[in-house]
């Protein structure tokens, strides 16, 4: 049983992509960065999938994306 979300349901995938697009667009527009901690490989893979898809749809300009897999 996963307890990360407590009693909350996962959002619809399209809602997640719209939210990511909006957040990334705002950060890039302001000259900032987006830092998303991912502690599980599957979550990191899922984020990279969404980033790739959103980039192909030209949701945001070309940006650098770093995935740090360093274990403490």
Protein backbone atom coordinates (compact mmCIF):
# COMPACT_ATOMS: atom_id res chain seq x y z
CA UNK A 1 0.00 0.00 0.00
CA UNK A 2 1.38 3.38 -0.98
CA UNK A 3 0.96 6.12 1.60
CA UNK A 4 2.47 9.04 -0.32
CA UNK A 5 -0.92 10.39 -1.34
CA UNK A 6 -2.85 9.57 1.82
CA UNK A 7 -6.54 9.65 1.00
CA UNK A 8 -6.10 11.70 -2.22
CA UNK A 9 -6.77 10.28 -5.67
CA UNK A 10 -4.23 10.58 -8.47
CA UNK A 11 -5.04 13.36 -10.89
CA UNK A 12 -6.00 12.66 -14.48
CA UNK A 13 -2.88 12.36 -16.67
CA UNK A 14 -3.99 15.26 -18.88
CA UNK A 15 -4.39 17.44 -15.78
CA UNK A 16 -0.87 16.52 -14.67
CA UNK A 17 0.59 17.40 -18.06
CA UNK A 18 -1.25 20.73 -18.15
CA UNK A 19 -0.03 21.51 -14.64
CA UNK A 20 3.57 20.61 -15.55
CA UNK A 21 3.34 22.70 -18.73
CA UNK A 22 2.02 25.70 -16.80
CA UNK A 23 4.65 25.44 -14.05
CA UNK A 24 7.55 24.94 -16.46
CA UNK A 25 6.31 27.78 -18.68
CA UNK A 26 6.08 30.16 -15.73
CA UNK A 27 9.53 29.23 -14.42
CA UNK A 28 11.20 29.51 -17.84
CA UNK A 29 9.40 32.80 -18.50
CA UNK A 30 10.69 34.20 -15.22
CA UNK A 31 14.23 32.94 -15.88
CA UNK A 32 13.97 30.40 -13.08
CA UNK A 33 14.34 26.69 -12.54
CA UNK A 34 12.01 23.88 -11.54
CA UNK A 35 13.30 21.35 -9.04
CA UNK A 36 11.22 18.21 -8.53
CA UNK A 37 12.50 15.69 -6.02
CA UNK A 38 11.95 12.12 -7.13
CA UNK A 39 12.86 9.37 -4.74
CA UNK A 40 11.68 6.42 -6.81
CA UNK A 41 12.93 5.27 -10.20
CA UNK A 42 9.42 4.75 -11.51
CA UNK A 43 8.44 8.33 -10.60
CA UNK A 44 11.55 9.70 -12.32
CA UNK A 45 10.77 7.67 -15.45
CA UNK A 46 7.19 8.91 -15.42
CA UNK A 47 8.31 12.54 -15.18
CA UNK A 48 10.79 12.09 -18.03
CA UNK A 49 8.00 10.55 -20.12
CA UNK A 50 5.79 13.59 -19.50
CA UNK A 51 8.64 16.04 -20.16
CA UNK A 52 9.43 14.35 -23.48
CA UNK A 53 5.81 14.35 -24.52
CA UNK A 54 5.27 17.98 -23.55
CA UNK A 55 8.46 19.04 -25.34
CA UNK A 56 7.36 17.26 -28.55
CA UNK A 57 4.06 19.17 -28.29
CA UNK A 58 6.13 22.38 -27.95
CA UNK A 59 4.56 23.17 -24.61
CA UNK A 60 7.79 24.87 -23.53
CA UNK A 61 11.04 25.88 -25.28
CA UNK A 62 14.08 23.60 -25.32
CA UNK A 63 15.45 23.47 -21.78
CA UNK A 64 18.05 21.46 -19.92
CA UNK A 65 16.64 18.65 -17.80
CA UNK A 66 18.88 16.99 -15.25
CA UNK A 67 18.03 13.71 -13.61
CA UNK A 68 20.24 13.19 -10.57
CA UNK A 69 20.33 9.56 -9.60
CA UNK A 70 23.04 9.96 -7.00
CA UNK A 71 22.33 7.98 -3.88
CA UNK A 72 23.23 9.83 -0.67
